[in-house]
Amino acid sequence: MRRLPLLAAGAAGVLLLGVAGTASAAPEAKPAKPPHPLQVRPALPAGATNPSIADGVAVGSLVGTYTASGLGPATANAAAPAGSPERFVKWTELPPGVTLTEAQSLNVFEQITANLRAQGLTLRDVISMRAYLSNPPGTDIADFAGWNRAYRQYFANTDLATKKVVPVPLGTAPPAAPIFVNPARPSRVTLEVANLPVAGWLVEVEVVAAYR
């Protein structure tokens, strides 16, 4: 009778048992070492040269950090009705393909830039981000695509292998140079929420930045 290969699990992991009964341990990924006390080390997807975010960010014990409160878009169009999303968009007429969420997100990144600058930091120092999106009027879901386009205008827009700037689109326009060239790829979570604290806001973002 022919014996088929068997799988057996042991305390050290999965063992492969061949025809001859020889056991071999399945290879395990070697865990990364803790960061040096002054090191900020993003964990990036293996083999990816232009990922939008990090899998996580390791921060050394002596690295100082700054946590910004959640920031939304500033009033940019006082002529728009109070409490409307358009009030927080700098354009009276949106460029082709640019969504309200995308336009507000660009506004938010301007507010974050100013907030960080006051603390001696820039967007390049951001290591973690949490974004909250609310549904645009008349829609059933948050505009994640518009948010991601705006994000790439300010983050993760250089190729990790070549170090060259990666063109990004604004709305449906052909990809062009980003608003702010930035190799930083923070860890990030994006959540859809029922509403935000200011009427008309579609986006609110909080960030953590590291002093290096």
N, C-alpha and C. Protein backbone atom coordinates (compact mmCIF):
# COMPACT_ATOMS: atom_id res chain seq x y z
N MET A 1 0.85 -1.19 0.00
CA MET A 1 0.00 0.00 0.00
C MET A 1 0.89 1.24 0.00
N ARG A 2 0.57 2.23 -0.82
CA ARG A 2 1.35 3.45 -0.90
C ARG A 2 0.97 4.41 0.22
N ARG A 3 1.98 4.92 0.92
CA ARG A 3 1.74 5.87 2.01
C ARG A 3 1.72 7.30 1.46
N LEU A 4 0.73 8.07 1.84
CA LEU A 4 0.63 9.46 1.41
C LEU A 4 1.29 10.35 2.45
N PRO A 5 1.85 11.51 2.02
CA PRO A 5 2.43 12.45 2.99
C PRO A 5 1.40 12.90 4.00
N LEU A 6 1.82 13.06 5.24
CA LEU A 6 0.94 13.47 6.32
C LEU A 6 1.39 14.80 6.88
N LEU A 7 0.46 15.52 7.48
CA LEU A 7 0.77 16.76 8.18
C LEU A 7 0.55 16.53 9.66
N ALA A 8 1.50 16.95 10.48
CA ALA A 8 1.35 16.84 11.93
C ALA A 8 1.76 18.15 12.56
N ALA A 9 0.99 18.62 13.51
CA ALA A 9 1.29 19.88 14.19
C ALA A 9 1.97 19.60 15.51
N GLY A 10 3.06 20.30 15.75
CA GLY A 10 3.77 20.18 17.02
C GLY A 10 3.80 21.51 17.72
N ALA A 11 4.41 21.53 18.88
CA ALA A 11 4.47 22.76 19.66
C ALA A 11 5.27 23.83 18.95
N ALA A 12 6.24 23.41 18.11
CA ALA A 12 7.10 24.38 17.43
C ALA A 12 6.52 24.84 16.11
N GLY A 13 5.36 24.33 15.73
CA GLY A 13 4.76 24.75 14.46
C GLY A 13 4.32 23.53 13.67
N VAL A 14 4.24 23.66 12.35
CA VAL A 14 3.77 22.57 11.50
C VAL A 14 4.95 21.74 11.04
N LEU A 15 4.84 20.41 11.13
CA LEU A 15 5.87 19.50 10.65
C LEU A 15 5.35 18.81 9.41
N LEU A 16 6.22 18.65 8.42
CA LEU A 16 5.87 17.93 7.20
C LEU A 16 6.47 16.53 7.28
N LEU A 17 5.64 15.47 7.15
CA LEU A 17 6.10 14.10 7.19
C LEU A 17 6.04 13.52 5.79
N GLY A 18 7.20 13.18 5.24
CA GLY A 18 7.25 12.67 3.89
C GLY A 18 7.02 11.17 3.85
N VAL A 19 7.25 10.57 2.67
CA VAL A 19 7.03 9.14 2.47
C VAL A 19 7.92 8.33 3.40
N ALA A 20 9.16 8.81 3.59
CA ALA A 20 10.09 8.07 4.44
C ALA A 20 9.88 8.37 5.91
N GLY A 21 8.96 9.26 6.23
CA GLY A 21 8.68 9.58 7.61
C GLY A 21 9.60 10.63 8.19
N THR A 22 10.42 11.26 7.35
CA THR A 22 11.35 12.28 7.84
C THR A 22 10.61 13.57 8.13
N ALA A 23 10.82 14.16 9.30
CA ALA A 23 10.13 15.38 9.70
C ALA A 23 11.00 16.60 9.39
N SER A 24 10.37 17.67 8.91
CA SER A 24 11.07 18.93 8.69
C SER A 24 10.18 20.07 9.13
N ALA A 25 10.74 21.02 9.85
CA ALA A 25 9.96 22.15 10.35
C ALA A 25 9.68 23.14 9.24
N ALA A 26 8.45 23.66 9.19
CA ALA A 26 8.12 24.69 8.21
C ALA A 26 8.87 25.96 8.58
N PRO A 27 9.40 26.66 7.57
CA PRO A 27 10.17 27.87 7.87
C PRO A 27 9.29 28.94 8.52
N GLU A 28 9.86 29.61 9.51
CA GLU A 28 9.14 30.68 10.20
C GLU A 28 9.85 31.99 9.95
N ALA A 29 9.08 33.04 9.80
CA ALA A 29 9.66 34.36 9.59
C ALA A 29 10.43 34.80 10.83
N LYS A 30 11.62 35.31 10.62
CA LYS A 30 12.43 35.77 11.74
C LYS A 30 11.89 37.10 12.24
N PRO A 31 11.55 37.21 13.52
CA PRO A 31 10.99 38.46 14.02
C PRO A 31 12.01 39.60 13.95
N ALA A 32 11.52 40.78 13.68
CA ALA A 32 12.39 41.95 13.63
C ALA A 32 12.87 42.30 15.03
N LYS A 33 14.05 42.88 15.09
CA LYS A 33 14.58 43.33 16.37
C LYS A 33 13.91 44.64 16.76
N PRO A 34 13.85 44.95 18.04
CA PRO A 34 13.29 46.24 18.46
C PRO A 34 14.09 47.38 17.85
N PRO A 35 13.46 48.54 17.63
CA PRO A 35 14.19 49.66 17.06
C PRO A 35 15.22 50.20 18.04
N HIS A 36 16.25 50.85 17.50
CA HIS A 36 17.22 51.54 18.36
C HIS A 36 16.50 52.66 19.09
N PRO A 37 17.01 53.11 20.22
CA PRO A 37 16.31 54.13 21.01
C PRO A 37 15.91 55.39 20.24
N LEU A 38 16.70 55.78 19.24
CA LEU A 38 16.39 57.00 18.49
C LEU A 38 15.88 56.71 17.08
N GLN A 39 15.47 55.47 16.84
CA GLN A 39 15.07 55.05 15.49
C GLN A 39 13.56 55.10 15.29
N VAL A 40 13.15 55.54 14.09
CA VAL A 40 11.77 55.42 13.63
C VAL A 40 11.80 54.52 12.40
N ARG A 41 11.18 53.34 12.50
CA ARG A 41 11.33 52.33 11.45
C ARG A 41 9.96 51.84 10.95
N PRO A 42 9.55 52.30 9.77
CA PRO A 42 8.29 51.79 9.22
C PRO A 42 8.44 50.36 8.73
N ALA A 43 7.42 49.56 8.92
CA ALA A 43 7.39 48.20 8.39
C ALA A 43 6.62 48.25 7.08
N LEU A 44 7.32 48.09 5.98
CA LEU A 44 6.71 48.25 4.66
C LEU A 44 6.47 46.89 4.01
N PRO A 45 5.41 46.77 3.20
CA PRO A 45 5.12 45.50 2.54
C PRO A 45 6.32 45.03 1.71
N ALA A 46 6.70 43.78 1.86
CA ALA A 46 7.85 43.24 1.15
C ALA A 46 7.67 43.33 -0.36
N GLY A 47 8.68 43.84 -1.04
CA GLY A 47 8.67 43.90 -2.49
C GLY A 47 7.91 45.06 -3.09
N ALA A 48 7.17 45.82 -2.29
CA ALA A 48 6.39 46.94 -2.82
C ALA A 48 7.27 48.19 -2.89
N THR A 49 7.26 48.85 -4.04
CA THR A 49 8.07 50.06 -4.18
C THR A 49 7.27 51.34 -4.03
N ASN A 50 5.94 51.22 -4.03
CA ASN A 50 5.13 52.43 -3.87
C ASN A 50 3.87 52.14 -3.05
N PRO A 51 4.02 51.55 -1.85
CA PRO A 51 2.84 51.30 -1.02
C PRO A 51 2.29 52.62 -0.47
N SER A 52 0.99 52.67 -0.23
CA SER A 52 0.40 53.91 0.27
C SER A 52 0.58 54.07 1.78
N ILE A 53 0.64 52.96 2.49
CA ILE A 53 0.79 53.03 3.95
C ILE A 53 1.77 51.96 4.42
N ALA A 54 2.23 52.10 5.67
CA ALA A 54 3.08 51.09 6.28
C ALA A 54 2.22 50.05 6.98
N ASP A 55 2.78 48.85 7.14
CA ASP A 55 2.09 47.83 7.94
C ASP A 55 2.06 48.25 9.41
N GLY A 56 3.02 49.04 9.79
CA GLY A 56 3.14 49.54 11.16
C GLY A 56 4.41 50.37 11.24
N VAL A 57 4.62 51.04 12.35
CA VAL A 57 5.83 51.85 12.54
C VAL A 57 6.39 51.57 13.93
N ALA A 58 7.66 51.16 13.98
CA ALA A 58 8.34 50.93 15.25
C ALA A 58 9.05 52.22 15.67
N VAL A 59 8.89 52.60 16.93
CA VAL A 59 9.45 53.85 17.43
C VAL A 59 10.35 53.55 18.63
N GLY A 60 11.60 54.03 18.57
CA GLY A 60 12.54 53.81 19.65
C GLY A 60 12.11 54.49 20.93
N SER A 61 12.65 54.02 22.04
CA SER A 61 12.21 54.48 23.35
C SER A 61 12.57 55.94 23.64
N LEU A 62 13.53 56.50 22.91
CA LEU A 62 13.95 57.88 23.16
C LEU A 62 13.41 58.86 22.11
N VAL A 63 12.53 58.39 21.25
CA VAL A 63 11.95 59.26 20.21
C VAL A 63 10.77 60.03 20.79
N GLY A 64 10.83 61.35 20.70
CA GLY A 64 9.70 62.17 21.14
C GLY A 64 8.62 62.21 20.07
N THR A 65 7.37 62.20 20.48
CA THR A 65 6.27 62.24 19.51
C THR A 65 5.29 63.35 19.86
N TYR A 66 4.54 63.76 18.87
CA TYR A 66 3.51 64.78 19.02
C TYR A 66 2.23 64.24 18.43
N THR A 67 1.15 64.29 19.20
CA THR A 67 -0.16 63.83 18.73
C THR A 67 -1.07 65.03 18.50
N ALA A 68 -1.48 65.21 17.27
CA ALA A 68 -2.39 66.31 16.95
C ALA A 68 -3.83 65.87 17.19
N SER A 69 -4.64 66.79 17.69
CA SER A 69 -6.07 66.51 17.81
C SER A 69 -6.67 66.36 16.42
N GLY A 70 -7.86 65.77 16.36
CA GLY A 70 -8.53 65.63 15.08
C GLY A 70 -8.76 66.99 14.43
N LEU A 71 -8.42 67.09 13.16
CA LEU A 71 -8.56 68.33 12.41
C LEU A 71 -9.46 68.12 11.20
N GLY A 72 -10.37 69.05 11.01
CA GLY A 72 -11.22 69.02 9.84
C GLY A 72 -10.87 70.16 8.92
N PRO A 73 -11.62 70.33 7.84
CA PRO A 73 -11.33 71.40 6.89
C PRO A 73 -11.74 72.76 7.45
N ALA A 74 -10.98 73.78 7.10
CA ALA A 74 -11.33 75.15 7.49
C ALA A 74 -12.33 75.73 6.49
N THR A 75 -13.08 76.70 6.93
CA THR A 75 -14.01 77.38 6.01
C THR A 75 -13.21 77.99 4.86
N ALA A 76 -13.60 77.66 3.65
CA ALA A 76 -12.87 78.12 2.47
C ALA A 76 -13.74 78.89 1.49
N ASN A 77 -15.06 78.78 1.65
CA ASN A 77 -15.99 79.45 0.73
C ASN A 77 -17.16 79.99 1.55
N ALA A 78 -16.98 81.20 2.07
CA ALA A 78 -18.00 81.79 2.94
C ALA A 78 -19.31 82.05 2.21
N ALA A 79 -19.29 82.03 0.89
CA ALA A 79 -20.51 82.26 0.11
C ALA A 79 -21.41 81.03 0.08
N ALA A 80 -20.85 79.87 0.38
CA ALA A 80 -21.64 78.64 0.38
C ALA A 80 -22.51 78.60 1.63
N PRO A 81 -23.64 77.93 1.57
CA PRO A 81 -24.53 77.88 2.74
C PRO A 81 -23.84 77.32 3.97
N ALA A 82 -24.14 77.88 5.13
CA ALA A 82 -23.58 77.37 6.38
C ALA A 82 -24.01 75.92 6.58
N GLY A 83 -23.09 75.08 7.03
CA GLY A 83 -23.41 73.68 7.27
C GLY A 83 -23.36 72.80 6.04
N SER A 84 -22.98 73.36 4.89
CA SER A 84 -22.89 72.57 3.67
C SER A 84 -21.46 72.13 3.44
N PRO A 85 -21.24 70.98 2.80
CA PRO A 85 -19.87 70.55 2.49
C PRO A 85 -19.12 71.56 1.63
N GLU A 86 -19.85 72.25 0.75
CA GLU A 86 -19.21 73.20 -0.16
C GLU A 86 -18.55 74.36 0.58
N ARG A 87 -18.99 74.63 1.79
CA ARG A 87 -18.43 75.74 2.55
C ARG A 87 -16.96 75.49 2.91
N PHE A 88 -16.55 74.23 2.86
CA PHE A 88 -15.19 73.86 3.23
C PHE A 88 -14.35 73.46 2.02
N VAL A 89 -14.75 73.98 0.85
CA VAL A 89 -14.06 73.69 -0.41
C VAL A 89 -13.64 75.01 -1.03
N LYS A 90 -12.38 75.11 -1.46
CA LYS A 90 -11.88 76.38 -1.97
C LYS A 90 -12.39 76.71 -3.37
N TRP A 91 -12.88 75.72 -4.09
CA TRP A 91 -13.37 75.95 -5.44
C TRP A 91 -14.88 76.21 -5.43
N THR A 92 -15.32 77.23 -6.18
CA THR A 92 -16.77 77.42 -6.35
C THR A 92 -17.30 76.39 -7.34
N GLU A 93 -16.43 75.93 -8.22
CA GLU A 93 -16.78 74.84 -9.14
C GLU A 93 -15.64 73.83 -9.09
N LEU A 94 -15.96 72.59 -8.73
CA LEU A 94 -14.95 71.57 -8.56
C LEU A 94 -14.27 71.24 -9.90
N PRO A 95 -12.96 71.03 -9.90
CA PRO A 95 -12.27 70.58 -11.11
C PRO A 95 -12.83 69.23 -11.56
N PRO A 96 -12.63 68.86 -12.81
CA PRO A 96 -13.18 67.60 -13.33
C PRO A 96 -12.83 66.39 -12.46
N GLY A 97 -13.85 65.69 -12.04
CA GLY A 97 -13.66 64.46 -11.29
C GLY A 97 -13.33 64.62 -9.82
N VAL A 98 -13.06 65.85 -9.38
CA VAL A 98 -12.74 66.06 -7.96
C VAL A 98 -14.03 66.00 -7.16
N THR A 99 -14.03 65.20 -6.11
CA THR A 99 -15.23 65.04 -5.29
C THR A 99 -15.16 65.98 -4.09
N LEU A 100 -16.30 66.13 -3.43
CA LEU A 100 -16.34 66.96 -2.23
C LEU A 100 -15.40 66.42 -1.15
N THR A 101 -15.39 65.11 -0.98
CA THR A 101 -14.49 64.51 0.02
C THR A 101 -13.04 64.75 -0.35
N GLU A 102 -12.71 64.60 -1.61
CA GLU A 102 -11.34 64.85 -2.06
C GLU A 102 -10.94 66.29 -1.80
N ALA A 103 -11.82 67.23 -2.15
CA ALA A 103 -11.52 68.65 -1.96
C ALA A 103 -11.38 68.99 -0.48
N GLN A 104 -12.27 68.46 0.35
CA GLN A 104 -12.16 68.71 1.80
C GLN A 104 -10.89 68.07 2.37
N SER A 105 -10.51 66.91 1.87
CA SER A 105 -9.31 66.25 2.36
C SER A 105 -8.06 67.08 2.07
N LEU A 106 -8.01 67.69 0.91
CA LEU A 106 -6.89 68.58 0.59
C LEU A 106 -6.84 69.74 1.59
N ASN A 107 -8.00 70.26 1.92
CA ASN A 107 -8.11 71.33 2.91
C ASN A 107 -7.60 70.85 4.27
N VAL A 108 -7.98 69.65 4.66
CA VAL A 108 -7.56 69.09 5.95
C VAL A 108 -6.04 68.97 6.01
N PHE A 109 -5.42 68.51 4.94
CA PHE A 109 -3.97 68.36 4.96
C PHE A 109 -3.27 69.71 5.08
N GLU A 110 -3.89 70.76 4.57
CA GLU A 110 -3.34 72.10 4.78
C GLU A 110 -3.40 72.47 6.26
N GLN A 111 -4.49 72.11 6.93
CA GLN A 111 -4.61 72.41 8.36
C GLN A 111 -3.61 71.59 9.18
N ILE A 112 -3.42 70.34 8.79
CA ILE A 112 -2.45 69.50 9.49
C ILE A 112 -1.04 70.05 9.30
N THR A 113 -0.73 70.50 8.09
CA THR A 113 0.59 71.08 7.81
C THR A 113 0.87 72.25 8.75
N ALA A 114 -0.11 73.13 8.90
CA ALA A 114 0.06 74.30 9.76
C ALA A 114 0.18 73.89 11.22
N ASN A 115 -0.61 72.91 11.64
CA ASN A 115 -0.56 72.42 13.02
C ASN A 115 0.82 71.86 13.35
N LEU A 116 1.37 71.06 12.45
CA LEU A 116 2.68 70.46 12.67
C LEU A 116 3.78 71.51 12.63
N ARG A 117 3.66 72.44 11.70
CA ARG A 117 4.70 73.48 11.57
C ARG A 117 4.85 74.25 12.88
N ALA A 118 3.75 74.49 13.56
CA ALA A 118 3.81 75.23 14.83
C ALA A 118 4.58 74.46 15.90
N GLN A 119 4.76 73.15 15.70
CA GLN A 119 5.50 72.32 16.65
C GLN A 119 6.88 71.94 16.12
N GLY A 120 7.30 72.59 15.03
CA GLY A 120 8.61 72.28 14.46
C GLY A 120 8.64 70.98 13.68
N LEU A 121 7.50 70.56 13.16
CA LEU A 121 7.38 69.30 12.43
C LEU A 121 6.82 69.53 11.03
N THR A 122 6.91 68.51 10.18
CA THR A 122 6.32 68.56 8.85
C THR A 122 5.55 67.27 8.59
N LEU A 123 4.89 67.21 7.46
CA LEU A 123 4.17 65.99 7.10
C LEU A 123 5.12 64.81 6.94
N ARG A 124 6.39 65.07 6.67
CA ARG A 124 7.36 63.98 6.54
C ARG A 124 7.61 63.29 7.88
N ASP A 125 7.22 63.92 8.97
CA ASP A 125 7.44 63.35 10.30
C ASP A 125 6.26 62.53 10.79
N VAL A 126 5.17 62.48 10.03
CA VAL A 126 3.97 61.76 10.46
C VAL A 126 4.23 60.26 10.41
N ILE A 127 3.93 59.56 11.50
CA ILE A 127 4.15 58.12 11.57
C ILE A 127 2.85 57.33 11.72
N SER A 128 1.77 58.01 12.10
CA SER A 128 0.50 57.32 12.29
C SER A 128 -0.64 58.28 11.97
N MET A 129 -1.71 57.73 11.43
CA MET A 129 -2.85 58.57 11.00
C MET A 129 -4.15 57.81 11.20
N ARG A 130 -5.16 58.53 11.66
CA ARG A 130 -6.51 57.98 11.77
C ARG A 130 -7.46 58.96 11.09
N ALA A 131 -8.17 58.48 10.10
CA ALA A 131 -9.07 59.33 9.32
C ALA A 131 -10.51 58.89 9.51
N TYR A 132 -11.40 59.87 9.64
CA TYR A 132 -12.84 59.62 9.79
C TYR A 132 -13.55 60.28 8.61
N LEU A 133 -14.33 59.49 7.89
CA LEU A 133 -15.05 59.99 6.73
C LEU A 133 -16.55 59.86 6.95
N SER A 134 -17.28 60.89 6.54
CA SER A 134 -18.74 60.87 6.59
C SER A 134 -19.28 60.84 5.17
N ASN A 135 -20.45 60.27 4.99
CA ASN A 135 -21.02 60.15 3.65
C ASN A 135 -21.36 61.52 3.06
N PRO A 136 -20.96 61.78 1.83
CA PRO A 136 -21.41 63.00 1.16
C PRO A 136 -22.94 62.97 1.00
N PRO A 137 -23.58 64.13 0.95
CA PRO A 137 -25.04 64.16 0.81
C PRO A 137 -25.51 63.34 -0.39
N GLY A 138 -26.57 62.57 -0.15
CA GLY A 138 -27.17 61.78 -1.23
C GLY A 138 -26.46 60.48 -1.53
N THR A 139 -25.47 60.09 -0.72
CA THR A 139 -24.75 58.84 -0.95
C THR A 139 -24.92 57.91 0.24
N ASP A 140 -24.64 56.63 0.01
CA ASP A 140 -24.80 55.62 1.06
C ASP A 140 -23.48 55.16 1.66
N ILE A 141 -22.38 55.66 1.12
CA ILE A 141 -21.07 55.21 1.59
C ILE A 141 -20.07 56.35 1.51
N ALA A 142 -19.09 56.31 2.38
CA ALA A 142 -18.05 57.34 2.36
C ALA A 142 -17.23 57.24 1.08
N ASP A 143 -16.65 58.35 0.69
CA ASP A 143 -15.89 58.43 -0.56
C ASP A 143 -14.42 58.09 -0.28
N PHE A 144 -14.13 56.81 -0.18
CA PHE A 144 -12.76 56.38 0.10
C PHE A 144 -11.83 56.68 -1.07
N ALA A 145 -12.32 56.57 -2.28
CA ALA A 145 -11.48 56.83 -3.45
C ALA A 145 -11.01 58.28 -3.48
N GLY A 146 -11.94 59.21 -3.22
CA GLY A 146 -11.57 60.62 -3.20
C GLY A 146 -10.58 60.92 -2.09
N TRP A 147 -10.79 60.33 -0.92
CA TRP A 147 -9.87 60.49 0.20
C TRP A 147 -8.47 59.99 -0.17
N ASN A 148 -8.39 58.81 -0.79
CA ASN A 148 -7.10 58.24 -1.14
C ASN A 148 -6.36 59.07 -2.19
N ARG A 149 -7.09 59.65 -3.12
CA ARG A 149 -6.43 60.52 -4.11
C ARG A 149 -5.80 61.73 -3.41
N ALA A 150 -6.56 62.34 -2.49
CA ALA A 150 -6.04 63.50 -1.76
C ALA A 150 -4.85 63.10 -0.89
N TYR A 151 -4.93 61.95 -0.27
CA TYR A 151 -3.83 61.46 0.57
C TYR A 151 -2.53 61.36 -0.22
N ARG A 152 -2.62 60.83 -1.43
CA ARG A 152 -1.42 60.66 -2.26
C ARG A 152 -0.84 62.01 -2.70
N GLN A 153 -1.61 63.07 -2.64
CA GLN A 153 -1.08 64.39 -2.96
C GLN A 153 -0.09 64.85 -1.89
N TYR A 154 -0.18 64.28 -0.69
CA TYR A 154 0.64 64.73 0.42
C TYR A 154 1.50 63.63 1.05
N PHE A 155 1.20 62.37 0.77
CA PHE A 155 1.93 61.27 1.37
C PHE A 155 2.20 60.18 0.35
N ALA A 156 3.28 59.41 0.61
CA ALA A 156 3.55 58.19 -0.16
C ALA A 156 3.56 58.44 -1.66
N ASN A 157 4.25 59.48 -2.09
CA ASN A 157 4.28 59.80 -3.52
C ASN A 157 5.69 59.81 -4.10
N THR A 158 6.57 58.99 -3.50
CA THR A 158 7.88 58.74 -4.08
C THR A 158 8.09 57.24 -4.15
N ASP A 159 8.81 56.80 -5.17
CA ASP A 159 9.09 55.38 -5.33
C ASP A 159 10.23 54.99 -4.39
N LEU A 160 10.03 53.96 -3.59
CA LEU A 160 11.03 53.58 -2.60
C LEU A 160 12.30 53.03 -3.24
N ALA A 161 12.18 52.45 -4.43
CA ALA A 161 13.35 51.87 -5.09
C ALA A 161 14.15 52.92 -5.85
N THR A 162 13.47 53.76 -6.63
CA THR A 162 14.16 54.73 -7.48
C THR A 162 14.30 56.10 -6.83
N LYS A 163 13.51 56.35 -5.76
CA LYS A 163 13.47 57.65 -5.07
C LYS A 163 12.85 58.76 -5.93
N LYS A 164 12.30 58.39 -7.06
CA LYS A 164 11.69 59.39 -7.94
C LYS A 164 10.27 59.72 -7.49
N VAL A 165 9.84 60.94 -7.80
CA VAL A 165 8.48 61.37 -7.48
C VAL A 165 7.50 60.63 -8.37
N VAL A 166 6.41 60.16 -7.79
CA VAL A 166 5.38 59.44 -8.53
C VAL A 166 4.22 60.40 -8.81
N PRO A 167 3.88 60.66 -10.07
CA PRO A 167 2.75 61.54 -10.38
C PRO A 167 1.45 60.98 -9.81
N VAL A 168 0.57 61.86 -9.37
CA VAL A 168 -0.71 61.44 -8.80
C VAL A 168 -1.84 62.24 -9.46
N PRO A 169 -3.03 61.68 -9.54
CA PRO A 169 -4.14 62.38 -10.18
C PRO A 169 -4.90 63.29 -9.21
N LEU A 170 -5.45 64.34 -9.73
CA LEU A 170 -6.41 65.18 -9.01
C LEU A 170 -7.73 64.99 -9.72
N GLY A 171 -8.68 64.35 -9.07
CA GLY A 171 -9.92 64.01 -9.75
C GLY A 171 -9.63 63.08 -10.91
N THR A 172 -10.15 63.42 -12.08
CA THR A 172 -9.94 62.61 -13.28
C THR A 172 -8.87 63.19 -14.19
N ALA A 173 -8.14 64.20 -13.71
CA ALA A 173 -7.06 64.78 -14.51
C ALA A 173 -5.91 63.78 -14.62
N PRO A 174 -5.11 63.88 -15.67
CA PRO A 174 -3.95 63.00 -15.79
C PRO A 174 -3.01 63.17 -14.59
N PRO A 175 -2.35 62.12 -14.15
CA PRO A 175 -1.42 62.23 -13.03
C PRO A 175 -0.38 63.32 -13.26
N ALA A 176 -0.08 64.07 -12.22
CA ALA A 176 0.88 65.16 -12.29
C ALA A 176 1.67 65.21 -11.00
N ALA A 177 2.60 66.15 -10.90
CA ALA A 177 3.41 66.26 -9.69
C ALA A 177 2.51 66.48 -8.48
N PRO A 178 2.79 65.82 -7.36
CA PRO A 178 1.95 65.98 -6.16
C PRO A 178 2.10 67.38 -5.55
N ILE A 179 1.15 67.75 -4.73
CA ILE A 179 1.20 69.05 -4.07
C ILE A 179 2.39 69.14 -3.11
N PHE A 180 2.65 68.04 -2.40
CA PHE A 180 3.75 68.01 -1.43
C PHE A 180 4.49 66.70 -1.59
N VAL A 181 5.73 66.77 -2.03
CA VAL A 181 6.53 65.56 -2.22
C VAL A 181 6.91 64.99 -0.86
N ASN A 182 6.55 63.72 -0.64
CA ASN A 182 6.72 63.15 0.70
C ASN A 182 6.88 61.63 0.61
N PRO A 183 8.05 61.11 1.02
CA PRO A 183 8.23 59.66 1.02
C PRO A 183 7.58 58.96 2.20
N ALA A 184 7.10 59.71 3.20
CA ALA A 184 6.56 59.10 4.42
C ALA A 184 5.35 58.23 4.13
N ARG A 185 5.33 57.08 4.77
CA ARG A 185 4.21 56.16 4.68
C ARG A 185 3.82 55.77 6.10
N PRO A 186 2.92 56.54 6.70
CA PRO A 186 2.53 56.25 8.08
C PRO A 186 1.65 55.01 8.16
N SER A 187 1.54 54.45 9.35
CA SER A 187 0.49 53.46 9.57
C SER A 187 -0.83 54.25 9.55
N ARG A 188 -1.91 53.61 9.11
CA ARG A 188 -3.13 54.39 8.91
C ARG A 188 -4.37 53.52 9.05
N VAL A 189 -5.42 54.13 9.57
CA VAL A 189 -6.73 53.50 9.55
C VAL A 189 -7.73 54.55 9.07
N THR A 190 -8.68 54.12 8.25
CA THR A 190 -9.71 55.01 7.74
C THR A 190 -11.07 54.44 8.10
N LEU A 191 -11.89 55.24 8.77
CA LEU A 191 -13.18 54.77 9.27
C LEU A 191 -14.32 55.59 8.68
N GLU A 192 -15.41 54.93 8.38
CA GLU A 192 -16.64 55.62 7.99
C GLU A 192 -17.46 55.84 9.25
N VAL A 193 -17.92 57.07 9.47
CA VAL A 193 -18.71 57.40 10.66
C VAL A 193 -20.04 58.02 10.22
N ALA A 194 -21.00 57.99 11.13
CA ALA A 194 -22.33 58.50 10.81
C ALA A 194 -22.32 60.01 10.62
N ASN A 195 -21.55 60.71 11.44
CA ASN A 195 -21.47 62.16 11.31
C ASN A 195 -20.21 62.65 12.01
N LEU A 196 -19.87 63.91 11.74
CA LEU A 196 -18.69 64.54 12.33
C LEU A 196 -19.13 65.77 13.12
N PRO A 197 -18.26 66.32 13.98
CA PRO A 197 -18.72 67.33 14.94
C PRO A 197 -19.12 68.67 14.35
N VAL A 198 -18.71 68.96 13.12
CA VAL A 198 -19.07 70.24 12.49
C VAL A 198 -19.97 69.95 11.29
N ALA A 199 -21.11 70.62 11.23
CA ALA A 199 -22.03 70.40 10.11
C ALA A 199 -21.33 70.74 8.80
N GLY A 200 -21.37 69.81 7.87
CA GLY A 200 -20.74 70.01 6.57
C GLY A 200 -19.40 69.31 6.43
N TRP A 201 -18.77 68.95 7.55
CA TRP A 201 -17.50 68.22 7.46
C TRP A 201 -17.75 66.82 6.91
N LEU A 202 -16.90 66.42 5.98
CA LEU A 202 -16.90 65.04 5.48
C LEU A 202 -15.64 64.30 5.91
N VAL A 203 -14.67 65.05 6.44
CA VAL A 203 -13.36 64.47 6.78
C VAL A 203 -12.84 65.06 8.09
N GLU A 204 -12.30 64.22 8.93
CA GLU A 204 -11.56 64.65 10.11
C GLU A 204 -10.38 63.69 10.28
N VAL A 205 -9.21 64.23 10.58
CA VAL A 205 -7.99 63.42 10.61
C VAL A 205 -7.16 63.76 11.85
N GLU A 206 -6.65 62.74 12.51
CA GLU A 206 -5.69 62.96 13.60
C GLU A 206 -4.39 62.26 13.23
N VAL A 207 -3.26 62.85 13.60
CA VAL A 207 -1.97 62.28 13.25
C VAL A 207 -1.04 62.25 14.46
N VAL A 208 -0.06 61.36 14.38
CA VAL A 208 1.04 61.33 15.33
C VAL A 208 2.31 61.54 14.53
N ALA A 209 3.16 62.46 14.97
CA ALA A 209 4.42 62.74 14.29
C ALA A 209 5.57 62.53 15.26
N ALA A 210 6.73 62.18 14.71
CA ALA A 210 7.91 61.90 15.52
C ALA A 210 8.98 62.97 15.32
N TYR A 211 9.59 63.38 16.41
CA TYR A 211 10.74 64.27 16.33
C TYR A 211 11.97 63.42 16.03
N ARG A 212 12.72 63.77 14.98
CA ARG A 212 13.90 62.98 14.63
C ARG A 212 15.09 63.89 14.39
